[in-house]
Amino acid sequence: MDNQWQVLVKELREASLNVGVQDVSVFDAALNETPFSAAVKMLKDAIPGKLLILDGENPLTLLYQPLSVQLHGLTDEECLQQAADIRLVLTALLENIADVLNDQNELKDAANRLKQIRS
């Protein structure tokens, strides 16, 4: 995942702002970390509930372990299962982010239309 995790953290930061998080400095600090593990620890409790998956699971903590484990010692079946599990968690997280961002855009559009009626 190398530095791709930073793209995910940036999206989480933006979505957090859209759900009303006022202080996103922890996301900014996490982006300045070199290892993914440090960023995951910093963001452990910072991700808003609307961006968590299932019953409050932090998607970054779910993804960290399988992404940091060397796959060389696993069987082909175990590697394929981990890949499938990672894909499902990432998909759920990205869908939550998209929902938050789309909801905000729809709300802005609705507010703008209502403002035009008053003008």
Protein backbone atom coordinates (compact mmCIF):
# COMPACT_ATOMS: atom_id res chain seq x y z
CA MET A 1 0.00 0.00 0.00
CA ASP A 2 3.10 2.21 0.34
CA ASN A 3 1.91 5.84 0.23
CA GLN A 4 -1.55 5.05 -1.13
CA TRP A 5 -2.85 5.08 2.42
CA GLN A 6 -2.38 8.85 2.40
CA VAL A 7 -4.97 9.19 -0.37
CA LEU A 8 -7.41 7.27 1.82
CA VAL A 9 -6.65 9.47 4.85
CA LYS A 10 -7.18 12.61 2.74
CA GLU A 11 -10.60 11.30 1.69
CA LEU A 12 -11.45 10.45 5.29
CA ARG A 13 -10.42 13.98 6.29
CA GLU A 14 -12.66 15.55 3.65
CA ALA A 15 -15.60 13.32 4.54
CA SER A 16 -15.08 14.07 8.25
CA LEU A 17 -15.38 17.78 7.53
CA ASN A 18 -18.59 17.09 5.63
CA VAL A 19 -20.17 15.32 8.60
CA GLY A 20 -19.37 18.23 10.90
CA VAL A 21 -16.00 17.41 12.43
CA GLN A 22 -14.60 20.84 13.30
CA ASP A 23 -11.02 19.89 14.12
CA VAL A 24 -9.33 17.68 11.54
CA SER A 25 -5.80 18.39 12.77
CA VAL A 26 -5.37 14.74 13.74
CA PHE A 27 -5.88 13.82 10.07
CA ASP A 28 -3.31 16.42 9.05
CA ALA A 29 -0.84 15.09 11.61
CA ALA A 30 -1.46 11.50 10.44
CA LEU A 31 -0.69 12.53 6.87
CA ASN A 32 2.73 13.73 8.03
CA GLU A 33 3.58 10.36 9.54
CA THR A 34 5.90 8.10 7.61
CA PRO A 35 4.64 4.66 8.60
CA PHE A 36 1.04 3.68 8.01
CA SER A 37 1.04 2.11 11.49
CA ALA A 38 1.58 5.51 13.16
CA ALA A 39 -1.24 7.07 11.15
CA VAL A 40 -3.58 4.20 12.04
CA LYS A 41 -2.84 4.66 15.75
CA MET A 42 -3.42 8.42 15.53
CA LEU A 43 -6.76 7.98 13.75
CA LYS A 44 -7.99 5.10 15.91
CA ASP A 45 -10.70 7.19 17.57
CA ALA A 46 -10.85 10.12 15.14
CA ILE A 47 -12.99 8.63 12.38
CA PRO A 48 -16.62 9.77 12.74
CA GLY A 49 -19.30 7.15 13.28
CA LYS A 50 -20.84 7.69 9.87
CA LEU A 51 -17.57 6.51 8.26
CA LEU A 52 -17.16 3.42 10.40
CA ILE A 53 -18.31 0.09 9.02
CA LEU A 54 -20.53 -2.60 10.44
CA ASP A 55 -21.17 -1.90 14.10
CA GLY A 56 -18.57 0.80 14.64
CA GLU A 57 -15.48 -0.92 13.27
CA ASN A 58 -12.64 1.39 12.28
CA PRO A 59 -11.79 0.38 8.69
CA LEU A 60 -8.18 1.52 8.98
CA THR A 61 -7.49 -0.76 11.93
CA LEU A 62 -9.17 -3.62 10.10
CA LEU A 63 -7.00 -3.04 7.03
CA TYR A 64 -3.69 -2.39 8.77
CA GLN A 65 -2.85 -5.92 9.91
CA PRO A 66 -3.45 -7.78 6.64
CA LEU A 67 -1.72 -5.04 4.67
CA SER A 68 1.35 -5.12 6.88
CA VAL A 69 1.78 -8.91 7.01
CA GLN A 70 4.20 -10.56 4.64
CA LEU A 71 2.13 -12.72 2.33
CA HIS A 72 5.02 -15.04 1.49
CA GLY A 73 4.21 -17.38 4.37
CA LEU A 74 0.56 -17.78 3.46
CA THR A 75 -1.01 -20.36 1.20
CA ASP A 76 -2.54 -19.28 -2.09
CA GLU A 77 -6.00 -19.73 -0.60
CA GLU A 78 -5.14 -17.56 2.40
CA CYS A 79 -3.71 -14.84 0.14
CA LEU A 80 -6.82 -14.87 -2.02
CA GLN A 81 -9.09 -14.72 1.04
CA GLN A 82 -7.14 -11.78 2.47
CA ALA A 83 -7.33 -9.98 -0.86
CA ALA A 84 -11.09 -10.53 -0.99
CA ASP A 85 -11.52 -9.36 2.62
CA ILE A 86 -9.41 -6.24 2.02
CA ARG A 87 -11.45 -5.45 -1.09
CA LEU A 88 -14.73 -5.74 0.85
CA VAL A 89 -13.56 -3.48 3.68
CA LEU A 90 -12.10 -0.90 1.28
CA THR A 91 -15.28 -0.95 -0.78
CA ALA A 92 -17.43 -0.39 2.31
CA LEU A 93 -15.21 2.47 3.46
CA LEU A 94 -15.15 4.15 0.06
CA GLU A 95 -18.93 3.79 -0.24
CA ASN A 96 -19.32 5.48 3.17
CA ILE A 97 -17.03 8.31 2.09
CA ALA A 98 -18.90 8.70 -1.21
CA ASP A 99 -22.25 8.73 0.60
CA VAL A 100 -21.07 11.45 2.98
CA LEU A 101 -19.65 13.57 0.17
CA ASN A 102 -22.71 13.06 -2.04
CA ASP A 103 -25.11 13.87 0.81
CA GLN A 104 -23.27 17.13 1.40
CA ASN A 105 -23.31 18.02 -2.30
CA GLU A 106 -27.02 17.24 -2.56
CA LEU A 107 -27.70 19.39 0.49
CA LYS A 108 -25.70 22.28 -0.96
CA ASP A 109 -27.59 21.97 -4.26
CA ALA A 110 -30.93 21.95 -2.44
CA ALA A 111 -29.97 24.98 -0.36
CA ASN A 112 -28.85 26.87 -3.46
CA ARG A 113 -32.13 26.09 -5.24
CA LEU A 114 -34.09 27.31 -2.24
CA LYS A 115 -32.04 30.50 -2.08
CA GLN A 116 -32.80 31.21 -5.74
CA ILE A 117 -36.54 30.98 -5.09
CA ARG A 118 -36.29 33.75 -2.49
CA SER A 119 -34.33 36.05 -4.79
